[in-house]
Amino acid sequence: MAQAEPQGKHHMTEKIGLIGLGAMGLGMAQSLRRKGYSVHVCDVRTEAAQAFAAVGGVACATPAAVAEHCEIVVSVVVNAAQTEQLLFGENGAAAAMRRGSVFVMCSTVDPNWSIAMEKRLADMGLLYIDAPISGGAAKAASGEMTMMSAGSPAAYAKAGAALDAMAAKVYKLGDAAGPGSKVKIINQLLAGVHIAAAAEAMALGLREGVAADALYEVITHSAGNSWMFENRMAHVLAGDYTPLSAVDIFVKDLGLVLDTARASKFPLPLSATAHQMFMQASSAGHGREDDSAVIKIFPGIDLPAAK
């Protein structure tokens, strides 16, 4: 993909729609606005859309209203069910999109669902890009996230510049839907296993009486470190489980990982164990807490208090 164009190169009349102003979506909308797009947004929380409008965006009441104004609609919702709802539910975007418009799907979903969605929209004369994202809220806000995409040349011709405006790295993995979601599934396998392993290591350290701050300092400067240990165990040290990505996200995502592998009878022993750990944390009431709260399943340890 081409490099992101310089700030201000786009005309303010170039409109783009974004639905879902969560941790990632809000940052992506901000990145698009910085690049000179007129960004039309919608969220089930109307106050989130109004807040974005107050700093220069355009708030829309429904997905259909976004689609009426924009030939590129970016979806940044939690899952496939929410994506279908915003497309085909009451006041859905699909019926309001003009033929030749592009729908950019950024959720983590079953790859087969994404393949089917591309065909369903093609039957309506609409283009589709399978474009899951990674990097966290901070990188979304700075335009430095990663996008794992796949779609037709026609879809890229229309939406490629917008993708580059949202992400530092836009990987083009195929000319039809599926490969983007498959690579995202594999990324989530690693992310989930690394968080579970980081929690297990920190829990053992606490059980053995090692000072949590000292353990964190040593591991983050040693070969056993991982990005997830460094990022998520900082939440544990702060006693702050405000969800940036929730436990239940990994119940869902590792479930998708296992479903994908099960279809071809491929064994994933570490993924299965990590999934059970997140399931246990969710069942214990921590589903809506930060995914680092998976550490709370370990017995007989005193976790750092909130600072």
Protein backbone atom coordinates (compact mmCIF):
# COMPACT_ATOMS: atom_id res chain seq x y z
CA MET A 1 0.00 0.00 0.00
CA ALA A 2 1.07 3.56 -0.55
CA GLN A 3 2.41 5.62 2.31
CA ALA A 4 -0.08 7.82 4.13
CA GLU A 5 -0.44 11.16 2.38
CA PRO A 6 0.74 14.33 4.10
CA GLN A 7 -1.57 16.02 6.55
CA GLY A 8 -4.05 18.36 4.91
CA LYS A 9 -3.74 16.86 1.42
CA HIS A 10 -7.36 15.68 1.35
CA HIS A 11 -10.15 18.16 0.75
CA MET A 12 -12.57 18.58 3.62
CA THR A 13 -15.33 17.67 1.18
CA GLU A 14 -14.06 14.08 0.99
CA LYS A 15 -16.47 12.26 3.28
CA ILE A 16 -15.93 9.01 5.13
CA GLY A 17 -18.19 7.21 7.59
CA LEU A 18 -17.14 5.38 10.73
CA ILE A 19 -19.49 3.35 12.91
CA GLY A 20 -18.38 2.32 16.41
CA LEU A 21 -16.51 4.84 18.57
CA GLY A 22 -14.98 2.45 21.07
CA ALA A 23 -11.34 2.26 22.15
CA MET A 24 -10.12 1.73 18.57
CA GLY A 25 -12.85 3.40 16.53
CA LEU A 26 -12.57 6.78 18.21
CA GLY A 27 -8.83 6.94 17.53
CA MET A 28 -9.36 5.91 13.91
CA ALA A 29 -11.97 8.66 13.48
CA GLN A 30 -9.52 11.18 14.95
CA SER A 31 -6.78 10.01 12.56
CA LEU A 32 -9.09 10.41 9.56
CA ARG A 33 -10.08 13.91 10.66
CA ARG A 34 -6.40 14.90 11.03
CA LYS A 35 -5.82 13.78 7.45
CA GLY A 36 -8.51 16.17 6.21
CA TYR A 37 -11.51 13.90 5.81
CA SER A 38 -15.02 15.00 6.74
CA VAL A 39 -15.77 12.17 9.19
CA HIS A 40 -19.40 11.14 9.73
CA VAL A 41 -19.78 8.95 12.82
CA CYS A 42 -22.44 6.86 14.54
CA ASP A 43 -22.40 4.94 17.82
CA VAL A 44 -25.06 3.27 19.96
CA ARG A 45 -23.95 5.74 22.63
CA THR A 46 -25.21 8.98 21.10
CA GLU A 47 -23.10 10.99 23.54
CA ALA A 48 -19.93 9.49 22.00
CA ALA A 49 -20.93 10.65 18.52
CA GLN A 50 -21.91 14.10 19.84
CA ALA A 51 -18.55 14.45 21.62
CA PHE A 52 -16.72 13.70 18.37
CA ALA A 53 -18.93 16.18 16.52
CA ALA A 54 -17.96 18.83 19.08
CA VAL A 55 -14.33 18.62 17.93
CA GLY A 56 -15.02 18.74 14.21
CA GLY A 57 -16.76 15.53 13.16
CA VAL A 58 -20.34 15.01 12.00
CA ALA A 59 -22.68 12.99 14.24
CA CYS A 60 -25.30 10.79 12.55
CA ALA A 61 -28.24 9.19 14.34
CA THR A 62 -28.20 5.88 12.44
CA PRO A 63 -25.91 3.74 10.26
CA ALA A 64 -28.22 4.54 7.33
CA ALA A 65 -27.60 8.26 7.84
CA VAL A 66 -23.84 7.65 7.70
CA ALA A 67 -24.21 5.61 4.52
CA GLU A 68 -26.33 8.26 2.81
CA HIS A 69 -23.47 10.74 3.07
CA CYS A 70 -20.41 8.53 2.53
CA GLU A 71 -19.13 6.17 -0.17
CA ILE A 72 -16.68 4.57 2.29
CA VAL A 73 -18.13 3.20 5.54
CA VAL A 74 -15.75 1.79 8.17
CA SER A 75 -17.17 -0.55 10.82
CA VAL A 76 -15.33 -0.84 14.16
CA VAL A 77 -17.77 -2.82 16.31
CA VAL A 78 -17.16 -5.82 18.58
CA ASN A 79 -18.23 -8.82 16.55
CA ALA A 80 -20.02 -10.30 13.53
CA ALA A 81 -23.48 -9.99 15.10
CA GLN A 82 -23.05 -6.24 15.67
CA THR A 83 -21.70 -5.85 12.13
CA GLU A 84 -24.77 -7.57 10.68
CA GLN A 85 -27.03 -5.40 12.81
CA LEU A 86 -25.49 -2.13 11.63
CA LEU A 87 -25.65 -3.31 8.02
CA PHE A 88 -29.03 -5.00 7.82
CA GLY A 89 -30.92 -4.08 11.01
CA GLU A 90 -33.37 -1.23 11.44
CA ASN A 91 -31.93 1.91 9.76
CA GLY A 92 -29.03 -0.26 8.55
CA ALA A 93 -26.24 1.01 6.36
CA ALA A 94 -26.35 -1.56 3.53
CA ALA A 95 -29.66 -0.48 1.97
CA ALA A 96 -28.61 3.19 2.12
CA MET A 97 -25.16 2.72 0.51
CA ARG A 98 -24.85 3.72 -3.15
CA ARG A 99 -23.75 1.04 -5.61
CA GLY A 100 -19.96 0.96 -5.84
CA SER A 101 -19.50 2.14 -2.24
CA VAL A 102 -17.02 0.31 0.02
CA PHE A 103 -17.72 -1.30 3.39
CA VAL A 104 -14.55 -1.74 5.49
CA MET A 105 -14.99 -4.40 8.20
CA CYS A 106 -12.50 -4.06 11.08
CA SER A 107 -13.86 -6.58 13.63
CA THR A 108 -12.34 -9.92 14.63
CA VAL A 109 -14.65 -12.51 13.05
CA ASP A 110 -14.80 -16.04 11.68
CA PRO A 111 -13.00 -15.87 8.31
CA ASN A 112 -15.80 -17.85 6.66
CA TRP A 113 -18.31 -15.25 7.87
CA SER A 114 -16.20 -12.52 6.28
CA ILE A 115 -16.03 -14.41 2.97
CA ALA A 116 -19.82 -14.79 2.98
CA MET A 117 -20.32 -11.11 3.83
CA GLU A 118 -18.24 -10.04 0.83
CA LYS A 119 -20.56 -12.04 -1.45
CA ARG A 120 -23.72 -10.78 0.26
CA LEU A 121 -22.67 -7.16 -0.25
CA ALA A 122 -21.45 -7.83 -3.81
CA ASP A 123 -24.96 -9.04 -4.64
CA MET A 124 -26.12 -5.52 -3.62
CA GLY A 125 -23.50 -3.84 -5.81
CA LEU A 126 -21.25 -2.98 -2.86
CA LEU A 127 -17.50 -3.48 -2.39
CA TYR A 128 -15.98 -4.99 0.77
CA ILE A 129 -12.60 -5.00 2.50
CA ASP A 130 -11.86 -7.61 5.17
CA ALA A 131 -9.70 -5.40 7.42
CA PRO A 132 -9.19 -6.46 11.06
CA ILE A 133 -6.96 -4.18 13.13
CA SER A 134 -4.37 -4.44 15.90
CA GLY A 135 -2.26 -2.16 18.06
CA GLY A 136 -4.47 -0.87 20.85
CA ALA A 137 -6.21 2.42 21.54
CA ALA A 138 -3.06 4.56 21.69
CA LYS A 139 -1.81 3.44 18.27
CA ALA A 140 -5.29 3.84 16.79
CA ALA A 141 -5.36 7.43 18.05
CA SER A 142 -1.92 8.23 16.61
CA GLY A 143 -2.60 6.53 13.26
CA GLU A 144 0.10 3.94 13.97
CA MET A 145 -1.99 0.76 14.22
CA THR A 146 -1.72 -2.28 11.94
CA MET A 147 -4.43 -3.36 9.49
CA MET A 148 -4.59 -6.92 8.10
CA SER A 149 -6.62 -6.49 4.93
CA ALA A 150 -7.92 -8.37 1.92
CA GLY A 151 -10.26 -7.23 -0.83
CA SER A 152 -10.73 -6.63 -4.53
CA PRO A 153 -8.56 -4.19 -6.51
CA ALA A 154 -11.69 -2.06 -7.06
CA ALA A 155 -12.26 -1.80 -3.31
CA TYR A 156 -8.64 -0.78 -2.68
CA ALA A 157 -8.77 1.75 -5.51
CA LYS A 158 -11.63 3.51 -3.74
CA ALA A 159 -10.64 3.12 -0.09
CA GLY A 160 -6.87 2.60 -0.07
CA ALA A 161 -5.99 6.19 0.84
CA ALA A 162 -8.44 6.07 3.76
CA LEU A 163 -6.86 2.85 5.05
CA ASP A 164 -3.44 4.49 4.93
CA ALA A 165 -4.83 7.48 6.83
CA MET A 166 -5.89 5.19 9.71
CA ALA A 167 -2.95 2.77 9.95
CA ALA A 168 0.85 2.94 9.73
CA LYS A 169 0.95 -0.53 8.22
CA VAL A 170 -1.78 -1.73 5.87
CA TYR A 171 -1.01 -5.32 4.87
CA LYS A 172 -2.73 -6.38 1.64
CA LEU A 173 -3.05 -10.13 2.07
CA GLY A 174 -5.33 -11.15 -0.79
CA ASP A 175 -7.71 -9.99 -3.51
CA ALA A 176 -10.81 -11.40 -1.82
CA ALA A 177 -12.08 -11.54 1.76
CA GLY A 178 -10.73 -14.16 4.18
CA PRO A 179 -6.94 -13.82 4.52
CA GLY A 180 -7.21 -10.64 6.63
CA SER A 181 -9.44 -12.37 9.16
CA LYS A 182 -7.28 -15.52 9.15
CA VAL A 183 -4.15 -13.54 10.01
CA LYS A 184 -6.05 -11.63 12.73
CA ILE A 185 -7.21 -14.95 14.23
CA ILE A 186 -3.57 -16.08 14.43
CA ASN A 187 -2.57 -12.76 16.00
CA GLN A 188 -5.29 -13.25 18.62
CA LEU A 189 -4.02 -16.76 19.34
CA LEU A 190 -0.67 -15.27 20.26
CA ALA A 191 -2.13 -12.30 22.13
CA GLY A 192 -4.41 -14.47 24.25
CA VAL A 193 -1.75 -17.07 25.05
CA HIS A 194 0.81 -14.35 25.89
CA ILE A 195 -1.60 -12.57 28.28
CA ALA A 196 -2.46 -15.86 29.99
CA ALA A 197 1.23 -16.79 30.28
CA ALA A 198 2.12 -13.32 31.60
CA ALA A 199 -0.60 -13.59 34.25
CA GLU A 200 0.59 -17.07 35.25
CA ALA A 201 4.19 -15.85 35.62
CA MET A 202 3.22 -12.81 37.70
CA ALA A 203 0.93 -14.96 39.85
CA LEU A 204 3.75 -17.41 40.58
CA GLY A 205 6.04 -14.53 41.49
CA LEU A 206 3.47 -13.14 43.92
CA ARG A 207 2.90 -16.61 45.42
CA GLU A 208 6.66 -17.00 45.96
CA GLY A 209 6.90 -13.64 47.70
CA VAL A 210 8.81 -11.79 44.98
CA ALA A 211 8.17 -8.03 44.97
CA ALA A 212 5.84 -7.40 42.02
CA ASP A 213 7.58 -4.18 40.93
CA ALA A 214 10.99 -5.88 41.01
CA LEU A 215 9.73 -8.88 39.04
CA TYR A 216 8.24 -6.58 36.40
CA GLU A 217 11.47 -4.58 36.11
CA VAL A 218 13.64 -7.67 35.68
CA ILE A 219 11.38 -9.54 33.24
CA THR A 220 10.87 -6.49 31.00
CA HIS A 221 14.67 -6.34 30.61
CA SER A 222 15.16 -10.09 30.11
CA ALA A 223 14.60 -12.72 27.44
CA GLY A 224 11.30 -13.85 28.95
CA ASN A 225 9.63 -10.52 28.22
CA SER A 226 6.79 -10.11 25.74
CA TRP A 227 4.85 -7.05 24.59
CA MET A 228 1.81 -8.42 26.43
CA PHE A 229 3.74 -8.98 29.68
CA GLU A 230 5.12 -5.45 29.54
CA ASN A 231 1.75 -3.88 28.68
CA ARG A 232 -0.74 -5.93 30.68
CA MET A 233 1.24 -6.61 33.84
CA ALA A 234 1.61 -2.83 34.21
CA HIS A 235 -2.19 -2.82 34.69
CA VAL A 236 -1.83 -5.46 37.41
CA LEU A 237 0.89 -3.47 39.19
CA ALA A 238 -1.37 -0.41 39.13
CA GLY A 239 -4.34 -2.44 40.36
CA ASP A 240 -6.27 -0.89 37.46
CA TYR A 241 -8.57 -3.24 35.55
CA THR A 242 -10.38 -0.56 33.56
CA PRO A 243 -11.08 -2.42 30.32
CA LEU A 244 -9.02 -1.37 27.30
CA SER A 245 -9.62 -4.87 25.98
CA ALA A 246 -11.89 -6.99 28.18
CA VAL A 247 -11.64 -10.59 29.40
CA ASP A 248 -14.76 -11.41 27.37
CA ILE A 249 -13.05 -10.23 24.17
CA PHE A 250 -10.61 -13.11 24.58
CA VAL A 251 -13.38 -15.53 25.48
CA LYS A 252 -14.77 -14.63 22.03
CA ASP A 253 -11.51 -14.37 20.09
CA LEU A 254 -9.86 -17.53 21.41
CA GLY A 255 -13.20 -19.25 20.77
CA LEU A 256 -12.91 -18.17 17.12
CA VAL A 257 -9.31 -19.43 17.06
CA LEU A 258 -10.42 -22.86 18.31
CA ASP A 259 -13.44 -22.98 15.97
CA THR A 260 -11.18 -22.24 12.99
CA ALA A 261 -8.74 -24.99 13.94
CA ARG A 262 -11.46 -27.49 14.85
CA ALA A 263 -12.87 -27.31 11.32
CA SER A 264 -9.63 -28.83 10.00
CA LYS A 265 -9.02 -30.99 13.11
CA PHE A 266 -5.87 -29.04 13.96
CA PRO A 267 -4.69 -29.24 17.60
CA LEU A 268 -4.10 -26.03 19.58
CA PRO A 269 -3.25 -27.12 23.14
CA LEU A 270 -1.97 -23.73 24.39
CA SER A 271 -4.89 -21.83 22.89
CA ALA A 272 -7.35 -24.23 24.48
CA THR A 273 -5.78 -23.78 27.92
CA ALA A 274 -5.70 -19.99 27.60
CA HIS A 275 -9.36 -20.00 26.50
CA GLN A 276 -10.31 -21.97 29.62
CA MET A 277 -8.45 -19.43 31.77
CA PHE A 278 -10.39 -16.50 30.26
CA MET A 279 -13.63 -18.50 30.58
CA GLN A 280 -12.86 -19.09 34.26
CA ALA A 281 -12.19 -15.38 34.82
CA SER A 282 -15.44 -14.46 33.05
CA SER A 283 -17.45 -17.00 35.04
CA ALA A 284 -16.01 -15.53 38.24
CA GLY A 285 -17.47 -12.14 37.32
CA HIS A 286 -14.47 -10.48 35.66
CA GLY A 287 -15.71 -10.62 32.05
CA ARG A 288 -16.01 -6.86 31.62
CA GLU A 289 -12.71 -6.07 33.34
CA ASP A 290 -9.42 -5.58 31.49
CA ASP A 291 -8.11 -8.84 30.05
CA SER A 292 -5.21 -8.69 32.53
CA ALA A 293 -7.85 -9.62 35.15
CA VAL A 294 -7.31 -13.23 34.04
CA ILE A 295 -4.68 -13.18 36.84
CA LYS A 296 -7.56 -13.14 39.34
CA ILE A 297 -8.23 -16.86 38.75
CA PHE A 298 -5.08 -17.85 40.64
CA PRO A 299 -5.69 -18.77 44.31
CA GLY A 300 -3.69 -17.72 47.34
CA ILE A 301 -2.10 -14.54 46.01
CA ASP A 302 -2.44 -10.92 47.10
CA LEU A 303 -2.69 -8.68 44.04
CA PRO A 304 -1.36 -5.10 44.17
CA ALA A 305 -4.00 -2.64 45.34
CA ALA A 306 -5.22 0.21 43.15
CA LYS A 307 -2.82 3.14 43.27
